[in-house]
Amino acid sequence: MSSERVDGQDLLAGCDAGEAREILWTGAGTIDTTIESTCGDPWFYGAGFVAGQAGFYGWYVVEVSTAGYYDLTVGGVPGGRPPRYAAVISCPSDAPSSSGMASRGGATETGLLEPGRHLLAISFAPQSAARGEATVRLEVVGPLP
């Protein structure tokens, strides 16, 4: 055993360049887009569905430039079911304050995001094929006090 100091870093898969597809802002302070992923996409993975439990997930990256409160809604496409849940999680090296939020079953949730790279992780709703679809809306709703 040594008395040498060792610092660890909490690495989050999907945060490194090229590990996940970047979701671009579609307007000032707003992302409003539809995500479609299928088996073979490098950011889409899973083992399938067992007894109706989701087994397919998608990773995407969002670059946040302004600290503030954001609304996140990750829902289903027309005629489809919403994802089981989705979360925006700060990548440790870019936003060390661990900002983030989650949306469950298509509900809108509000949370604090700091500037930096964030991972959007989606647990897709079960369907018969190895694919996932979701609508994503992330919107600035207010600055920090």
C-alpha atoms as a PDB file:
ATOM      1  CA  MET A   1       0.000   0.000   0.000  1.00  0.00           C
ATOM      2  CA  SER A   2       1.235   3.460  -0.882  1.00  0.00           C
ATOM      3  CA  SER A   3       0.548   6.876   0.555  1.00  0.00           C
ATOM      4  CA  GLU A   4       0.435   8.320  -2.972  1.00  0.00           C
ATOM      5  CA  ARG A   5      -2.790  10.221  -3.672  1.00  0.00           C
ATOM      6  CA  VAL A   6      -5.017   8.792  -6.407  1.00  0.00           C
ATOM      7  CA  ASP A   7      -7.874  10.821  -7.894  1.00  0.00           C
ATOM      8  CA  GLY A   8     -10.672   9.096  -9.749  1.00  0.00           C
ATOM      9  CA  GLN A   9     -12.982  10.443 -12.404  1.00  0.00           C
ATOM     10  CA  ASP A  10     -16.569   9.313 -12.827  1.00  0.00           C
ATOM     11  CA  LEU A  11     -16.682   8.559 -16.559  1.00  0.00           C
ATOM     12  CA  LEU A  12     -20.068   8.401 -18.237  1.00  0.00           C
ATOM     13  CA  ALA A  13     -20.367   6.264 -21.353  1.00  0.00           C
ATOM     14  CA  GLY A  14     -21.497   8.263 -24.390  1.00  0.00           C
ATOM     15  CA  CYS A  15     -19.822  11.503 -23.330  1.00  0.00           C
ATOM     16  CA  ASP A  16     -16.624  11.148 -25.366  1.00  0.00           C
ATOM     17  CA  ALA A  17     -16.499  12.624 -28.870  1.00  0.00           C
ATOM     18  CA  GLY A  18     -18.062  10.281 -31.407  1.00  0.00           C
ATOM     19  CA  GLU A  19     -19.689   7.942 -28.870  1.00  0.00           C
ATOM     20  CA  ALA A  20     -23.189   9.367 -29.350  1.00  0.00           C
ATOM     21  CA  ARG A  21     -25.051  11.378 -31.961  1.00  0.00           C
ATOM     22  CA  GLU A  22     -25.357  15.088 -31.164  1.00  0.00           C
ATOM     23  CA  ILE A  23     -28.854  16.554 -30.994  1.00  0.00           C
ATOM     24  CA  LEU A  24     -28.718  20.098 -32.350  1.00  0.00           C
ATOM     25  CA  TRP A  25     -30.702  23.082 -31.103  1.00  0.00           C
ATOM     26  CA  THR A  26     -33.538  23.800 -33.532  1.00  0.00           C
ATOM     27  CA  GLY A  27     -34.142  27.372 -32.333  1.00  0.00           C
ATOM     28  CA  ALA A  28     -33.015  29.891 -29.736  1.00  0.00           C
ATOM     29  CA  GLY A  29     -33.086  27.985 -26.449  1.00  0.00           C
ATOM     30  CA  THR A  30     -35.139  25.096 -27.884  1.00  0.00           C
ATOM     31  CA  ILE A  31     -34.606  21.577 -29.158  1.00  0.00           C
ATOM     32  CA  ASP A  32     -37.753  20.224 -30.808  1.00  0.00           C
ATOM     33  CA  THR A  33     -37.027  17.089 -32.817  1.00  0.00           C
ATOM     34  CA  THR A  34     -37.887  13.459 -33.470  1.00  0.00           C
ATOM     35  CA  ILE A  35     -35.296  10.762 -32.854  1.00  0.00           C
ATOM     36  CA  GLU A  36     -35.355   7.504 -34.776  1.00  0.00           C
ATOM     37  CA  SER A  37     -32.805   4.805 -33.988  1.00  0.00           C
ATOM     38  CA  THR A  38     -32.431   1.241 -35.183  1.00  0.00           C
ATOM     39  CA  CYS A  39     -30.247  -1.751 -34.570  1.00  0.00           C
ATOM     40  CA  GLY A  40     -26.826  -0.996 -36.027  1.00  0.00           C
ATOM     41  CA  ASP A  41     -26.698   2.659 -34.991  1.00  0.00           C
ATOM     42  CA  PRO A  42     -23.637   3.125 -32.751  1.00  0.00           C
ATOM     43  CA  TRP A  43     -25.669   4.969 -30.119  1.00  0.00           C
ATOM     44  CA  PHE A  44     -28.521   2.420 -29.967  1.00  0.00           C
ATOM     45  CA  TYR A  45     -28.089  -0.743 -27.907  1.00  0.00           C
ATOM     46  CA  GLY A  46     -29.857  -3.395 -25.893  1.00  0.00           C
ATOM     47  CA  ALA A  47     -30.786  -7.012 -25.635  1.00  0.00           C
ATOM     48  CA  GLY A  48     -34.413  -6.849 -26.736  1.00  0.00           C
ATOM     49  CA  PHE A  49     -37.566  -7.063 -24.693  1.00  0.00           C
ATOM     50  CA  VAL A  50     -38.432  -9.620 -22.064  1.00  0.00           C
ATOM     51  CA  ALA A  51     -41.944  -9.801 -20.601  1.00  0.00           C
ATOM     52  CA  GLY A  52     -42.705  -6.282 -21.830  1.00  0.00           C
ATOM     53  CA  GLN A  53     -39.689  -4.691 -20.164  1.00  0.00           C
ATOM     54  CA  ALA A  54     -37.681  -2.283 -22.297  1.00  0.00           C
ATOM     55  CA  GLY A  55     -34.352  -3.556 -23.434  1.00  0.00           C
ATOM     56  CA  PHE A  56     -33.401  -0.938 -26.036  1.00  0.00           C
ATOM     57  CA  TYR A  57     -31.724   2.311 -25.145  1.00  0.00           C
ATOM     58  CA  GLY A  58     -30.300   5.269 -27.014  1.00  0.00           C
ATOM     59  CA  TRP A  59     -27.556   7.739 -26.158  1.00  0.00           C
ATOM     60  CA  TYR A  60     -27.421  11.223 -27.604  1.00  0.00           C
ATOM     61  CA  VAL A  61     -25.389  14.326 -26.778  1.00  0.00           C
ATOM     62  CA  VAL A  62     -26.666  17.850 -26.126  1.00  0.00           C
ATOM     63  CA  GLU A  63     -24.344  20.846 -25.794  1.00  0.00           C
ATOM     64  CA  VAL A  64     -25.781  23.349 -23.309  1.00  0.00           C
ATOM     65  CA  SER A  65     -24.405  26.898 -23.592  1.00  0.00           C
ATOM     66  CA  THR A  66     -26.481  28.751 -20.982  1.00  0.00           C
ATOM     67  CA  ALA A  67     -27.073  27.862 -17.342  1.00  0.00           C
ATOM     68  CA  GLY A  68     -30.716  27.923 -16.375  1.00  0.00           C
ATOM     69  CA  TYR A  69     -33.920  26.049 -15.801  1.00  0.00           C
ATOM     70  CA  TYR A  70     -35.081  23.841 -18.655  1.00  0.00           C
ATOM     71  CA  ASP A  71     -38.204  21.841 -19.432  1.00  0.00           C
ATOM     72  CA  LEU A  72     -37.613  18.343 -20.831  1.00  0.00           C
ATOM     73  CA  THR A  73     -40.353  16.352 -22.546  1.00  0.00           C
ATOM     74  CA  VAL A  74     -39.525  13.053 -24.233  1.00  0.00           C
ATOM     75  CA  GLY A  75     -42.675  11.563 -25.692  1.00  0.00           C
ATOM     76  CA  GLY A  76     -43.898   9.095 -28.273  1.00  0.00           C
ATOM     77  CA  VAL A  77     -44.242   9.715 -31.982  1.00  0.00           C
ATOM     78  CA  PRO A  78     -47.808  10.003 -33.368  1.00  0.00           C
ATOM     79  CA  GLY A  79     -49.435   6.592 -33.008  1.00  0.00           C
ATOM     80  CA  GLY A  80     -46.618   5.342 -30.755  1.00  0.00           C
ATOM     81  CA  ARG A  81     -45.999   4.964 -27.050  1.00  0.00           C
ATOM     82  CA  PRO A  82     -43.748   7.352 -25.124  1.00  0.00           C
ATOM     83  CA  PRO A  83     -40.377   6.092 -23.902  1.00  0.00           C
ATOM     84  CA  ARG A  84     -40.358   4.619 -20.431  1.00  0.00           C
ATOM     85  CA  TYR A  85     -37.980   7.348 -19.300  1.00  0.00           C
ATOM     86  CA  ALA A  86     -35.331   9.723 -20.542  1.00  0.00           C
ATOM     87  CA  ALA A  87     -32.662  11.650 -18.670  1.00  0.00           C
ATOM     88  CA  VAL A  88     -30.305  14.507 -19.420  1.00  0.00           C
ATOM     89  CA  ILE A  89     -27.128  13.977 -17.382  1.00  0.00           C
ATOM     90  CA  SER A  90     -24.076  16.230 -17.285  1.00  0.00           C
ATOM     91  CA  CYS A  91     -20.863  14.728 -18.605  1.00  0.00           C
ATOM     92  CA  PRO A  92     -18.446  14.891 -15.659  1.00  0.00           C
ATOM     93  CA  SER A  93     -15.596  16.635 -17.443  1.00  0.00           C
ATOM     94  CA  ASP A  94     -17.831  19.394 -18.865  1.00  0.00           C
ATOM     95  CA  ALA A  95     -20.354  20.167 -16.138  1.00  0.00           C
ATOM     96  CA  PRO A  96     -18.837  19.044 -12.838  1.00  0.00           C
ATOM     97  CA  SER A  97     -21.812  20.338 -10.869  1.00  0.00           C
ATOM     98  CA  SER A  98     -23.794  17.263 -12.001  1.00  0.00           C
ATOM     99  CA  SER A  99     -26.740  19.077 -13.504  1.00  0.00           C
ATOM    100  CA  GLY A 100     -29.548  17.057 -15.039  1.00  0.00           C
ATOM    101  CA  MET A 101     -33.195  16.054 -15.208  1.00  0.00           C
ATOM    102  CA  ALA A 102     -35.510  13.228 -16.253  1.00  0.00           C
ATOM    103  CA  SER A 103     -38.803  12.764 -18.119  1.00  0.00           C
ATOM    104  CA  ARG A 104     -40.954   9.704 -17.441  1.00  0.00           C
ATOM    105  CA  GLY A 105     -43.717   8.394 -19.672  1.00  0.00           C
ATOM    106  CA  GLY A 106     -43.863  11.544 -21.798  1.00  0.00           C
ATOM    107  CA  ALA A 107     -44.323  13.939 -18.868  1.00  0.00           C
ATOM    108  CA  THR A 108     -42.605  17.333 -18.837  1.00  0.00           C
ATOM    109  CA  GLU A 109     -40.058  17.813 -16.072  1.00  0.00           C
ATOM    110  CA  THR A 110     -38.152  20.956 -15.106  1.00  0.00           C
ATOM    111  CA  GLY A 111     -34.533  20.913 -13.990  1.00  0.00           C
ATOM    112  CA  LEU A 112     -31.328  22.880 -13.768  1.00  0.00           C
ATOM    113  CA  LEU A 113     -28.707  22.537 -16.493  1.00  0.00           C
ATOM    114  CA  GLU A 114     -25.224  24.041 -16.385  1.00  0.00           C
ATOM    115  CA  PRO A 115     -23.187  24.854 -19.498  1.00  0.00           C
ATOM    116  CA  GLY A 116     -21.345  21.918 -21.033  1.00  0.00           C
ATOM    117  CA  ARG A 117     -21.837  18.563 -22.676  1.00  0.00           C
ATOM    118  CA  HIS A 118     -24.794  16.464 -21.502  1.00  0.00           C
ATOM    119  CA  LEU A 119     -25.870  12.922 -22.286  1.00  0.00           C
ATOM    120  CA  LEU A 120     -29.518  12.349 -23.249  1.00  0.00           C
ATOM    121  CA  ALA A 121     -30.270   8.709 -22.414  1.00  0.00           C
ATOM    122  CA  ILE A 122     -33.587   7.248 -23.589  1.00  0.00           C
ATOM    123  CA  SER A 123     -35.226   3.963 -22.576  1.00  0.00           C
ATOM    124  CA  PHE A 124     -37.488   3.297 -25.555  1.00  0.00           C
ATOM    125  CA  ALA A 125     -41.013   1.912 -25.273  1.00  0.00           C
ATOM    126  CA  PRO A 126     -41.329  -1.780 -26.183  1.00  0.00           C
ATOM    127  CA  GLN A 127     -42.234  -2.533 -29.790  1.00  0.00           C
ATOM    128  CA  SER A 128     -41.928  -5.505 -32.101  1.00  0.00           C
ATOM    129  CA  ALA A 129     -38.735  -4.393 -33.900  1.00  0.00           C
ATOM    130  CA  ALA A 130     -35.203  -3.504 -32.758  1.00  0.00           C
ATOM    131  CA  ARG A 131     -35.806   0.213 -33.074  1.00  0.00           C
ATOM    132  CA  GLY A 132     -36.758   3.233 -31.031  1.00  0.00           C
ATOM    133  CA  GLU A 133     -38.625   6.447 -31.762  1.00  0.00           C
ATOM    134  CA  ALA A 134     -39.231   9.472 -29.575  1.00  0.00           C
ATOM    135  CA  THR A 135     -40.032  13.151 -29.714  1.00  0.00           C
ATOM    136  CA  VAL A 136     -37.657  15.347 -27.744  1.00  0.00           C
ATOM    137  CA  ARG A 137     -38.325  18.872 -26.547  1.00  0.00           C
ATOM    138  CA  LEU A 138     -35.784  20.679 -24.371  1.00  0.00           C
ATOM    139  CA  GLU A 139     -36.505  24.340 -23.729  1.00  0.00           C
ATOM    140  CA  VAL A 140     -35.015  27.110 -21.597  1.00  0.00           C
ATOM    141  CA  VAL A 141     -37.721  28.330 -19.214  1.00  0.00           C
ATOM    142  CA  GLY A 142     -35.738  30.684 -17.011  1.00  0.00           C
ATOM    143  CA  PRO A 143     -32.310  31.924 -15.992  1.00  0.00           C
ATOM    144  CA  LEU A 144     -30.649  31.138 -12.706  1.00  0.00           C
ATOM    145  CA  PRO A 145     -31.695  33.480  -9.870  1.00  0.00           C
END
